[in-house]
PDB file of N, CA and C in Angstrom:
ATOM      1  N   UNK A   1      -5.597  -1.545   9.473  1.00  0.00           N
ATOM      2  CA  UNK A   1      -5.614  -1.634   7.732  1.00  0.00           C
ATOM      3  C   UNK A   1      -6.372  -2.522   7.143  1.00  0.00           C
ATOM      4  N   UNK A   2      -7.007  -1.604   6.544  1.00  0.00           N
ATOM      5  CA  UNK A   2      -8.116  -2.406   5.712  1.00  0.00           C
ATOM      6  C   UNK A   2      -7.806  -2.804   4.365  1.00  0.00           C
ATOM      7  N   UNK A   3      -8.322  -4.103   4.259  1.00  0.00           N
ATOM      8  CA  UNK A   3      -7.903  -4.933   2.783  1.00  0.00           C
ATOM      9  C   UNK A   3      -9.176  -4.471   2.050  1.00  0.00           C
ATOM     10  N   UNK A   4      -8.836  -4.036   0.878  1.00  0.00           N
ATOM     11  CA  UNK A   4      -9.827  -3.293  -0.210  1.00  0.00           C
ATOM     12  C   UNK A   4     -10.041  -4.322  -1.781  1.00  0.00           C
ATOM     13  N   UNK A   5     -11.219  -4.293  -1.999  1.00  0.00           N
ATOM     14  CA  UNK A   5     -11.152  -4.553  -3.372  1.00  0.00           C
ATOM     15  C   UNK A   5     -11.331  -3.317  -4.718  1.00  0.00           C
ATOM     16  N   UNK A   6     -11.464  -4.110  -5.757  1.00  0.00           N
ATOM     17  CA  UNK A   6     -11.297  -3.290  -6.806  1.00  0.00           C
ATOM     18  C   UNK A   6     -12.524  -2.267  -6.904  1.00  0.00           C
ATOM     19  N   UNK A   7     -13.728  -2.737  -6.042  1.00  0.00           N
ATOM     20  CA  UNK A   7     -14.771  -1.925  -5.957  1.00  0.00           C
ATOM     21  C   UNK A   7     -14.987  -0.934  -4.931  1.00  0.00           C
ATOM     22  N   UNK A   8     -13.986  -0.858  -4.018  1.00  0.00           N
ATOM     23  CA  UNK A   8     -13.337   0.363  -3.345  1.00  0.00           C
ATOM     24  C   UNK A   8     -12.406   1.144  -3.517  1.00  0.00           C
ATOM     25  N   UNK A   9     -11.465   0.254  -4.206  1.00  0.00           N
ATOM     26  CA  UNK A   9     -10.141   1.047  -4.465  1.00  0.00           C
ATOM     27  C   UNK A   9     -10.580   2.400  -4.659  1.00  0.00           C
ATOM     28  N   UNK A  10     -11.118   2.932  -5.950  1.00  0.00           N
ATOM     29  CA  UNK A  10     -11.021   4.629  -5.991  1.00  0.00           C
ATOM     30  C   UNK A  10     -11.671   5.151  -4.931  1.00  0.00           C
ATOM     31  N   UNK A  11     -12.642   5.060  -4.284  1.00  0.00           N
ATOM     32  CA  UNK A  11     -13.325   5.742  -3.299  1.00  0.00           C
ATOM     33  C   UNK A  11     -11.816   5.992  -2.265  1.00  0.00           C
ATOM     34  N   UNK A  12     -11.358   4.922  -1.884  1.00  0.00           N
ATOM     35  CA  UNK A  12     -10.164   4.906  -0.845  1.00  0.00           C
ATOM     36  C   UNK A  12      -9.150   5.620  -1.052  1.00  0.00           C
ATOM     37  N   UNK A  13      -8.755   6.008  -2.397  1.00  0.00           N
ATOM     38  CA  UNK A  13      -7.488   6.938  -2.643  1.00  0.00           C
ATOM     39  C   UNK A  13      -7.791   8.151  -2.899  1.00  0.00           C
ATOM     40  N   UNK A  14      -9.068   8.514  -2.968  1.00  0.00           N
ATOM     41  CA  UNK A  14      -9.371   9.719  -3.907  1.00  0.00           C
ATOM     42  C   UNK A  14      -9.277  10.767  -3.044  1.00  0.00           C
ATOM     43  N   UNK A  15      -9.101  11.232  -1.714  1.00  0.00           N
ATOM     44  CA  UNK A  15      -8.631  12.248  -0.757  1.00  0.00           C
ATOM     45  C   UNK A  15      -7.463  11.578   0.469  1.00  0.00           C
ATOM     46  N   UNK A  16      -6.572  12.661  -0.145  1.00  0.00           N
ATOM     47  CA  UNK A  16      -5.493  12.427   1.217  1.00  0.00           C
ATOM     48  C   UNK A  16      -4.431  11.885   0.578  1.00  0.00           C
ATOM     49  N   UNK A  17      -3.301  11.132   1.576  1.00  0.00           N
ATOM     50  CA  UNK A  17      -2.137  10.622   1.591  1.00  0.00           C
ATOM     51  C   UNK A  17      -2.287   9.202   1.963  1.00  0.00           C
ATOM     52  N   UNK A  18      -2.466   7.891   0.824  1.00  0.00           N
ATOM     53  CA  UNK A  18      -2.613   6.851   0.999  1.00  0.00           C
ATOM     54  C   UNK A  18      -2.116   6.138   0.218  1.00  0.00           C
ATOM     55  N   UNK A  19      -1.042   4.860   1.382  1.00  0.00           N
ATOM     56  CA  UNK A  19       0.062   4.117   0.737  1.00  0.00           C
ATOM     57  C   UNK A  19      -0.992   3.078   0.726  1.00  0.00           C
ATOM     58  N   UNK A  20      -0.929   2.080  -0.422  1.00  0.00           N
ATOM     59  CA  UNK A  20      -1.330   0.788  -1.079  1.00  0.00           C
ATOM     60  C   UNK A  20      -0.381   0.069  -0.875  1.00  0.00           C
ATOM     61  N   UNK A  21      -0.444  -1.200  -0.191  1.00  0.00           N
ATOM     62  CA  UNK A  21       0.562  -2.273  -0.362  1.00  0.00           C
ATOM     63  C   UNK A  21      -0.289  -3.224  -1.122  1.00  0.00           C
ATOM     64  N   UNK A  22       0.126  -3.709  -2.015  1.00  0.00           N
ATOM     65  CA  UNK A  22       0.171  -4.962  -2.819  1.00  0.00           C
ATOM     66  C   UNK A  22       0.659  -6.116  -2.532  1.00  0.00           C
ATOM     67  N   UNK A  23      -0.011  -7.330  -1.758  1.00  0.00           N
ATOM     68  CA  UNK A  23       0.466  -8.249  -1.253  1.00  0.00           C
ATOM     69  C   UNK A  23      -0.559  -9.922  -1.831  1.00  0.00           C
ATOM     70  N   UNK A  24       0.567 -10.500  -1.330  1.00  0.00           N
ATOM     71  CA  UNK A  24      -0.406 -11.777  -1.556  1.00  0.00           C
ATOM     72  C   UNK A  24      -0.187 -12.595   0.034  1.00  0.00           C
ATOM     73  N   UNK A  25      -1.199 -13.336   0.036  1.00  0.00           N
ATOM     74  CA  UNK A  25      -0.852 -14.070   1.716  1.00  0.00           C
ATOM     75  C   UNK A  25      -0.087 -15.120   1.467  1.00  0.00           C
ATOM     76  N   UNK A  26       0.629 -15.331   0.383  1.00  0.00           N
ATOM     77  CA  UNK A  26       1.308 -16.827   0.051  1.00  0.00           C
ATOM     78  C   UNK A  26       2.913 -16.413   0.406  1.00  0.00           C
ATOM     79  N   UNK A  27       2.924 -15.055   0.513  1.00  0.00           N
ATOM     80  CA  UNK A  27       4.204 -14.352  -0.054  1.00  0.00           C
ATOM     81  C   UNK A  27       5.020 -13.738   1.182  1.00  0.00           C
ATOM     82  N   UNK A  28       6.202 -14.729   1.728  1.00  0.00           N
ATOM     83  CA  UNK A  28       6.695 -14.578   2.803  1.00  0.00           C
ATOM     84  C   UNK A  28       7.404 -12.751   3.078  1.00  0.00           C
ATOM     85  N   UNK A  29       8.132 -12.492   2.004  1.00  0.00           N
ATOM     86  CA  UNK A  29       8.187 -11.101   2.223  1.00  0.00           C
ATOM     87  C   UNK A  29       6.878  -9.968   2.638  1.00  0.00           C
ATOM     88  N   UNK A  30       5.789 -10.450   1.708  1.00  0.00           N
ATOM     89  CA  UNK A  30       4.503  -9.673   1.925  1.00  0.00           C
ATOM     90  C   UNK A  30       4.133  -9.713   3.453  1.00  0.00           C
ATOM     91  N   UNK A  31       4.467 -10.666   3.953  1.00  0.00           N
ATOM     92  CA  UNK A  31       3.840 -10.600   5.723  1.00  0.00           C
ATOM     93  C   UNK A  31       4.963 -10.341   6.810  1.00  0.00           C
ATOM     94  N   UNK A  32       6.383 -10.184   5.886  1.00  0.00           N
ATOM     95  CA  UNK A  32       7.241  -9.300   6.971  1.00  0.00           C
ATOM     96  C   UNK A  32       6.908  -7.756   6.491  1.00  0.00           C
ATOM     97  N   UNK A  33       6.454  -7.528   5.599  1.00  0.00           N
ATOM     98  CA  UNK A  33       5.779  -5.917   5.290  1.00  0.00           C
ATOM     99  C   UNK A  33       5.008  -5.567   5.965  1.00  0.00           C
ATOM    100  N   UNK A  34       3.717  -6.585   6.288  1.00  0.00           N
ATOM    101  CA  UNK A  34       2.850  -6.228   6.907  1.00  0.00           C
ATOM    102  C   UNK A  34       2.822  -6.076   7.938  1.00  0.00           C
ATOM    103  N   UNK A  35       3.882  -6.365   8.844  1.00  0.00           N
ATOM    104  CA  UNK A  35       4.241  -6.242  10.083  1.00  0.00           C
ATOM    105  C   UNK A  35       5.139  -4.555  10.387  1.00  0.00           C
ATOM    106  N   UNK A  36       5.794  -4.463   9.470  1.00  0.00           N
ATOM    107  CA  UNK A  36       6.402  -3.274   9.279  1.00  0.00           C
ATOM    108  C   UNK A  36       5.267  -2.210   9.370  1.00  0.00           C
ATOM    109  N   UNK A  37       4.364  -2.495   8.250  1.00  0.00           N
ATOM    110  CA  UNK A  37       3.262  -1.876   8.026  1.00  0.00           C
ATOM    111  C   UNK A  37       2.120  -1.027   9.078  1.00  0.00           C
ATOM    112  N   UNK A  38       1.647  -2.323   9.918  1.00  0.00           N
ATOM    113  CA  UNK A  38       1.373  -2.585  11.189  1.00  0.00           C
ATOM    114  C   UNK A  38       1.379  -1.342  12.121  1.00  0.00           C
ATOM    115  N   UNK A  39       3.042  -1.579  12.310  1.00  0.00           N
ATOM    116  CA  UNK A  39       3.984  -0.564  13.201  1.00  0.00           C
ATOM    117  C   UNK A  39       4.061   1.298  12.518  1.00  0.00           C
ATOM    118  N   UNK A  40       4.088   1.664  11.250  1.00  0.00           N
ATOM    119  CA  UNK A  40       3.800   2.535  10.425  1.00  0.00           C
ATOM    120  C   UNK A  40       2.332   3.057  10.983  1.00  0.00           C
ATOM    121  N   UNK A  41       1.212   1.955  10.674  1.00  0.00           N
ATOM    122  CA  UNK A  41      -0.137   2.581  10.785  1.00  0.00           C
ATOM    123  C   UNK A  41      -0.678   3.172  12.036  1.00  0.00           C
ATOM    124  N   UNK A  42       0.207   2.868  13.183  1.00  0.00           N
ATOM    125  CA  UNK A  42       0.032   3.406  14.800  1.00  0.00           C
ATOM    126  C   UNK A  42       0.577   4.324  14.702  1.00  0.00           C
ATOM    127  N   UNK A  43       1.527   5.035  14.080  1.00  0.00           N
ATOM    128  CA  UNK A  43       2.334   6.318  13.932  1.00  0.00           C
ATOM    129  C   UNK A  43       1.920   7.298  13.121  1.00  0.00           C
ATOM    130  N   UNK A  44       0.919   7.221  11.916  1.00  0.00           N
ATOM    131  CA  UNK A  44       0.615   8.263  11.045  1.00  0.00           C
ATOM    132  C   UNK A  44      -0.710   8.538  11.072  1.00  0.00           C
ATOM    133  N   UNK A  45      -1.104   8.509  12.248  1.00  0.00           N
ATOM    134  CA  UNK A  45      -2.563   9.021  12.602  1.00  0.00           C
ATOM    135  C   UNK A  45      -2.650  10.388  12.080  1.00  0.00           C
ATOM    136  N   UNK A  46      -3.682  10.664  11.399  1.00  0.00           N
ATOM    137  CA  UNK A  46      -3.867  11.833  10.901  1.00  0.00           C
ATOM    138  C   UNK A  46      -2.828  12.591   9.731  1.00  0.00           C
ATOM    139  N   UNK A  47      -1.961  11.849   9.318  1.00  0.00           N
ATOM    140  CA  UNK A  47      -1.213  12.148   7.952  1.00  0.00           C
ATOM    141  C   UNK A  47      -1.709  11.290   6.835  1.00  0.00           C
ATOM    142  N   UNK A  48      -2.165  10.306   7.019  1.00  0.00           N
ATOM    143  CA  UNK A  48      -2.225   9.572   5.727  1.00  0.00           C
ATOM    144  C   UNK A  48      -3.256   8.399   6.482  1.00  0.00           C
ATOM    145  N   UNK A  49      -3.315   7.159   5.496  1.00  0.00           N
ATOM    146  CA  UNK A  49      -3.829   5.386   5.897  1.00  0.00           C
ATOM    147  C   UNK A  49      -3.087   4.801   4.982  1.00  0.00           C
ATOM    148  N   UNK A  50      -3.308   3.406   5.248  1.00  0.00           N
ATOM    149  CA  UNK A  50      -2.741   2.457   4.692  1.00  0.00           C
ATOM    150  C   UNK A  50      -3.314   1.670   4.424  1.00  0.00           C
ATOM    151  N   UNK A  51      -3.757   1.253   2.974  1.00  0.00           N
ATOM    152  CA  UNK A  51      -4.510  -0.147   2.805  1.00  0.00           C
ATOM    153  C   UNK A  51      -3.977  -1.547   1.795  1.00  0.00           C
ATOM    154  N   UNK A  52      -4.619  -2.324   1.821  1.00  0.00           N
ATOM    155  CA  UNK A  52      -4.081  -3.491   1.154  1.00  0.00           C
ATOM    156  C   UNK A  52      -4.545  -3.809   0.211  1.00  0.00           C
ATOM    157  N   UNK A  53      -4.038  -4.467  -0.982  1.00  0.00           N
ATOM    158  CA  UNK A  53      -4.541  -4.832  -2.044  1.00  0.00           C
ATOM    159  C   UNK A  53      -4.164  -6.322  -1.980  1.00  0.00           C
ATOM    160  N   UNK A  54      -5.201  -7.684  -1.996  1.00  0.00           N
ATOM    161  CA  UNK A  54      -4.547  -8.735  -2.302  1.00  0.00           C
ATOM    162  C   UNK A  54      -4.720  -9.057  -4.037  1.00  0.00           C
ATOM    163  N   UNK A  55      -3.852  -9.156  -4.370  1.00  0.00           N
ATOM    164  CA  UNK A  55      -3.225  -9.680  -5.980  1.00  0.00           C
ATOM    165  C   UNK A  55      -3.833 -10.588  -6.504  1.00  0.00           C
ATOM    166  N   UNK A  56      -3.944 -11.632  -5.469  1.00  0.00           N
ATOM    167  CA  UNK A  56      -4.583 -12.687  -6.435  1.00  0.00           C
ATOM    168  C   UNK A  56      -6.292 -12.773  -6.295  1.00  0.00           C
ATOM    169  N   UNK A  57      -6.637 -11.724  -5.253  1.00  0.00           N
ATOM    170  CA  UNK A  57      -7.994 -11.439  -5.650  1.00  0.00           C
ATOM    171  C   UNK A  57      -8.630 -10.111  -6.480  1.00  0.00           C
ATOM    172  N   UNK A  58      -7.248  -9.387  -6.709  1.00  0.00           N
ATOM    173  CA  UNK A  58      -8.021  -7.734  -7.583  1.00  0.00           C
ATOM    174  C   UNK A  58      -6.670  -8.091  -8.757  1.00  0.00           C
ATOM    175  N   UNK A  59      -6.703  -9.161  -9.576  1.00  0.00           N
ATOM    176  CA  UNK A  59      -6.068  -9.175 -10.431  1.00  0.00           C
ATOM    177  C   UNK A  59      -5.921  -8.036 -11.754  1.00  0.00           C
ATOM    178  N   UNK A  60      -7.295  -7.506 -11.783  1.00  0.00           N
ATOM    179  CA  UNK A  60      -7.225  -6.159 -12.966  1.00  0.00           C
ATOM    180  C   UNK A  60      -6.596  -5.030 -12.332  1.00  0.00           C
ATOM    181  N   UNK A  61      -6.722  -4.758 -10.843  1.00  0.00           N
ATOM    182  CA  UNK A  61      -5.768  -3.485  -9.955  1.00  0.00           C
ATOM    183  C   UNK A  61      -4.398  -4.175 -10.278  1.00  0.00           C
ATOM    184  N   UNK A  62      -4.260  -5.227 -10.232  1.00  0.00           N
ATOM    185  CA  UNK A  62      -2.581  -5.577 -10.098  1.00  0.00           C
ATOM    186  C   UNK A  62      -1.940  -5.037 -11.705  1.00  0.00           C
ATOM    187  N   UNK A  63      -2.866  -5.733 -12.510  1.00  0.00           N
ATOM    188  CA  UNK A  63      -2.197  -5.293 -14.075  1.00  0.00           C
ATOM    189  C   UNK A  63      -2.402  -3.675 -14.166  1.00  0.00           C
ATOM    190  N   UNK A  64      -3.134  -2.802 -13.629  1.00  0.00           N
ATOM    191  CA  UNK A  64      -3.673  -1.498 -13.969  1.00  0.00           C
ATOM    192  C   UNK A  64      -2.365  -0.996 -13.681  1.00  0.00           C
ATOM    193  N   UNK A  65      -1.324  -1.517 -12.374  1.00  0.00           N
ATOM    194  CA  UNK A  65      -0.536  -0.781 -12.085  1.00  0.00           C
ATOM    195  C   UNK A  65       0.488  -1.656 -12.519  1.00  0.00           C
ATOM    196  N   UNK A  66       0.663  -2.337 -13.035  1.00  0.00           N
ATOM    197  CA  UNK A  66       2.159  -3.142 -13.260  1.00  0.00           C
ATOM    198  C   UNK A  66       2.345  -3.841 -12.302  1.00  0.00           C
ATOM    199  N   UNK A  67       2.092  -4.131 -11.323  1.00  0.00           N
ATOM    200  CA  UNK A  67       2.761  -5.008 -10.415  1.00  0.00           C
ATOM    201  C   UNK A  67       3.151  -6.337 -10.654  1.00  0.00           C
ATOM    202  N   UNK A  68       4.475  -6.589 -10.662  1.00  0.00           N
ATOM    203  CA  UNK A  68       5.149  -7.408 -11.416  1.00  0.00           C
ATOM    204  C   UNK A  68       5.857  -8.275 -10.194  1.00  0.00           C
ATOM    205  N   UNK A  69       6.181  -7.743  -9.235  1.00  0.00           N
ATOM    206  CA  UNK A  69       6.490  -8.428  -8.142  1.00  0.00           C
ATOM    207  C   UNK A  69       5.961  -8.018  -6.878  1.00  0.00           C
ATOM    208  N   UNK A  70       5.753  -8.949  -5.741  1.00  0.00           N
ATOM    209  CA  UNK A  70       5.111  -8.069  -4.387  1.00  0.00           C
ATOM    210  C   UNK A  70       6.084  -8.311  -3.155  1.00  0.00           C
ATOM    211  N   UNK A  71       5.950  -7.733  -2.098  1.00  0.00           N
ATOM    212  CA  UNK A  71       5.299  -7.029  -2.200  1.00  0.00           C
ATOM    213  C   UNK A  71       5.562  -5.440  -2.661  1.00  0.00           C
ATOM    214  N   UNK A  72       4.565  -4.638  -3.389  1.00  0.00           N
ATOM    215  CA  UNK A  72       4.634  -3.353  -3.874  1.00  0.00           C
ATOM    216  C   UNK A  72       4.018  -2.495  -3.046  1.00  0.00           C
ATOM    217  N   UNK A  73       4.538  -1.253  -3.134  1.00  0.00           N
ATOM    218  CA  UNK A  73       3.675  -0.288  -2.037  1.00  0.00           C
ATOM    219  C   UNK A  73       3.675   0.813  -2.901  1.00  0.00           C
ATOM    220  N   UNK A  74       2.775   1.537  -3.463  1.00  0.00           N
ATOM    221  CA  UNK A  74       2.197   2.304  -4.440  1.00  0.00           C
ATOM    222  C   UNK A  74       1.491   3.865  -3.341  1.00  0.00           C
ATOM    223  N   UNK A  75       2.563   4.824  -3.294  1.00  0.00           N
ATOM    224  CA  UNK A  75       1.664   6.125  -2.530  1.00  0.00           C
ATOM    225  C   UNK A  75       1.112   7.190  -3.374  1.00  0.00           C
ATOM    226  N   UNK A  76      -0.276   7.134  -3.137  1.00  0.00           N
ATOM    227  CA  UNK A  76      -1.077   8.104  -3.913  1.00  0.00           C
ATOM    228  C   UNK A  76      -1.483   9.407  -2.750  1.00  0.00           C
ATOM    229  N   UNK A  77      -1.628  10.585  -3.657  1.00  0.00           N
ATOM    230  CA  UNK A  77      -1.826  11.841  -3.089  1.00  0.00           C
ATOM    231  C   UNK A  77      -3.322  12.107  -3.641  1.00  0.00           C
ATOM    232  N   UNK A  78      -4.604  12.413  -3.118  1.00  0.00           N
ATOM    233  CA  UNK A  78      -5.547  12.736  -3.865  1.00  0.00           C
ATOM    234  C   UNK A  78      -6.171  12.341  -5.289  1.00  0.00           C
ATOM    235  N   UNK A  79      -5.724  10.818  -4.843  1.00  0.00           N
ATOM    236  CA  UNK A  79      -5.981   9.780  -6.253  1.00  0.00           C
ATOM    237  C   UNK A  79      -4.759   9.721  -7.005  1.00  0.00           C
ATOM    238  N   UNK A  80      -3.643  10.290  -6.918  1.00  0.00           N
ATOM    239  CA  UNK A  80      -2.376  10.545  -7.972  1.00  0.00           C
ATOM    240  C   UNK A  80      -1.555   9.772  -7.430  1.00  0.00           C
ATOM    241  N   UNK A  81      -1.064   8.674  -8.346  1.00  0.00           N
ATOM    242  CA  UNK A  81       0.016   8.211  -8.127  1.00  0.00           C
ATOM    243  C   UNK A  81       1.017   9.176  -7.701  1.00  0.00           C
ATOM    244  N   UNK A  82       1.919   9.008  -6.879  1.00  0.00           N
ATOM    245  CA  UNK A  82       3.252  10.086  -6.622  1.00  0.00           C
ATOM    246  C   UNK A  82       4.315   9.226  -6.123  1.00  0.00           C
ATOM    247  N   UNK A  83       4.265   7.639  -6.153  1.00  0.00           N
ATOM    248  CA  UNK A  83       5.696   6.808  -5.944  1.00  0.00           C
ATOM    249  C   UNK A  83       5.426   5.852  -6.004  1.00  0.00           C
ATOM    250  N   UNK A  84       6.439   4.611  -6.161  1.00  0.00           N
ATOM    251  CA  UNK A  84       6.062   2.887  -6.122  1.00  0.00           C
ATOM    252  C   UNK A  84       7.269   2.765  -5.667  1.00  0.00           C
ATOM    253  N   UNK A  85       7.376   1.666  -4.927  1.00  0.00           N
ATOM    254  CA  UNK A  85       8.404   1.035  -4.177  1.00  0.00           C
ATOM    255  C   UNK A  85       8.308  -0.709  -4.381  1.00  0.00           C
ATOM    256  N   UNK A  86       9.219  -1.140  -4.694  1.00  0.00           N
ATOM    257  CA  UNK A  86       8.945  -3.103  -5.016  1.00  0.00           C
ATOM    258  C   UNK A  86       9.939  -3.313  -3.782  1.00  0.00           C
ATOM    259  N   UNK A  87       9.286  -4.222  -3.136  1.00  0.00           N
ATOM    260  CA  UNK A  87      10.454  -5.045  -1.974  1.00  0.00           C
ATOM    261  C   UNK A  87       9.813  -4.202  -0.700  1.00  0.00           C
ATOM    262  N   UNK A  88       9.937  -5.135  -0.070  1.00  0.00           N
ATOM    263  CA  UNK A  88      10.225  -4.869   1.692  1.00  0.00           C
ATOM    264  C   UNK A  88      10.662  -3.471   2.087  1.00  0.00           C
ATOM    265  N   UNK A  89      10.037  -2.120   2.437  1.00  0.00           N
ATOM    266  CA  UNK A  89      10.504  -1.029   2.549  1.00  0.00           C
ATOM    267  C   UNK A  89      10.766  -1.003   4.351  1.00  0.00           C
ATOM    268  N   UNK A  90      12.002  -0.471   4.906  1.00  0.00           N
ATOM    269  CA  UNK A  90      12.076  -0.136   6.119  1.00  0.00           C
ATOM    270  C   UNK A  90      11.128   0.763   6.755  1.00  0.00           C
ATOM    271  N   UNK A  91      10.703   0.350   8.190  1.00  0.00           N
ATOM    272  CA  UNK A  91      10.012   1.479   9.049  1.00  0.00           C
ATOM    273  C   UNK A  91       9.957   2.812   8.649  1.00  0.00           C
ATOM    274  N   UNK A  92      11.279   3.106   9.127  1.00  0.00           N
ATOM    275  CA  UNK A  92      12.166   4.697   9.031  1.00  0.00           C
ATOM    276  C   UNK A  92      11.481   5.187   7.866  1.00  0.00           C
ATOM    277  N   UNK A  93      11.866   4.585   6.395  1.00  0.00           N
ATOM    278  CA  UNK A  93      11.417   4.866   4.770  1.00  0.00           C
ATOM    279  C   UNK A  93       9.878   4.865   5.018  1.00  0.00           C
ATOM    280  N   UNK A  94       9.243   4.165   5.541  1.00  0.00           N
ATOM    281  CA  UNK A  94       7.773   4.472   5.266  1.00  0.00           C
ATOM    282  C   UNK A  94       7.029   5.743   5.923  1.00  0.00           C
ATOM    283  N   UNK A  95       7.880   5.706   6.813  1.00  0.00           N
ATOM    284  CA  UNK A  95       7.337   6.841   7.654  1.00  0.00           C
ATOM    285  C   UNK A  95       7.572   8.484   7.041  1.00  0.00           C
ATOM    286  N   UNK A  96       8.994   8.243   6.329  1.00  0.00           N
ATOM    287  CA  UNK A  96       9.074   9.311   5.979  1.00  0.00           C
ATOM    288  C   UNK A  96       8.033   9.792   4.810  1.00  0.00           C
ATOM    289  N   UNK A  97       7.376   8.663   3.890  1.00  0.00           N
ATOM    290  CA  UNK A  97       6.673   9.121   3.067  1.00  0.00           C
ATOM    291  C   UNK A  97       5.398  10.009   3.555  1.00  0.00           C
ATOM    292  N   UNK A  98       5.340   9.708   4.897  1.00  0.00           N
ATOM    293  CA  UNK A  98       4.087  10.484   5.053  1.00  0.00           C
ATOM    294  C   UNK A  98       4.363  11.979   5.421  1.00  0.00           C
ATOM    295  N   UNK A  99       5.714  11.954   5.842  1.00  0.00           N
ATOM    296  CA  UNK A  99       6.140  13.627   6.291  1.00  0.00           C
ATOM    297  C   UNK A  99       6.129  14.557   4.966  1.00  0.00           C
ATOM    298  N   UNK A 100       6.589  13.718   3.864  1.00  0.00           N
ATOM    299  CA  UNK A 100       6.558  14.822   2.672  1.00  0.00           C
ATOM    300  C   UNK A 100       5.372  15.566   2.330  1.00  0.00           C
TER     301      UNK A 100
END
């Protein structure tokens, strides 16, 4: 999974299905979510991709998408936001996002 900054963000989400994990390095639930997303990432090959945004390093993006709590997962399809989830998400639920 790639950690992306503000300059790369638009290019990363413009094509296909992209799950964006808004996180912080100091956040315990974010670390738990990261492990789940690592597992998901190995199973979604060809269906989409997962990228990560560090909210401490990319405050403008966090503000733009109304990130008030972390982890927050936002699903994009061809650059358009199609879903948002706040908090830790189970692996099975993450996988379902890529099957829709």
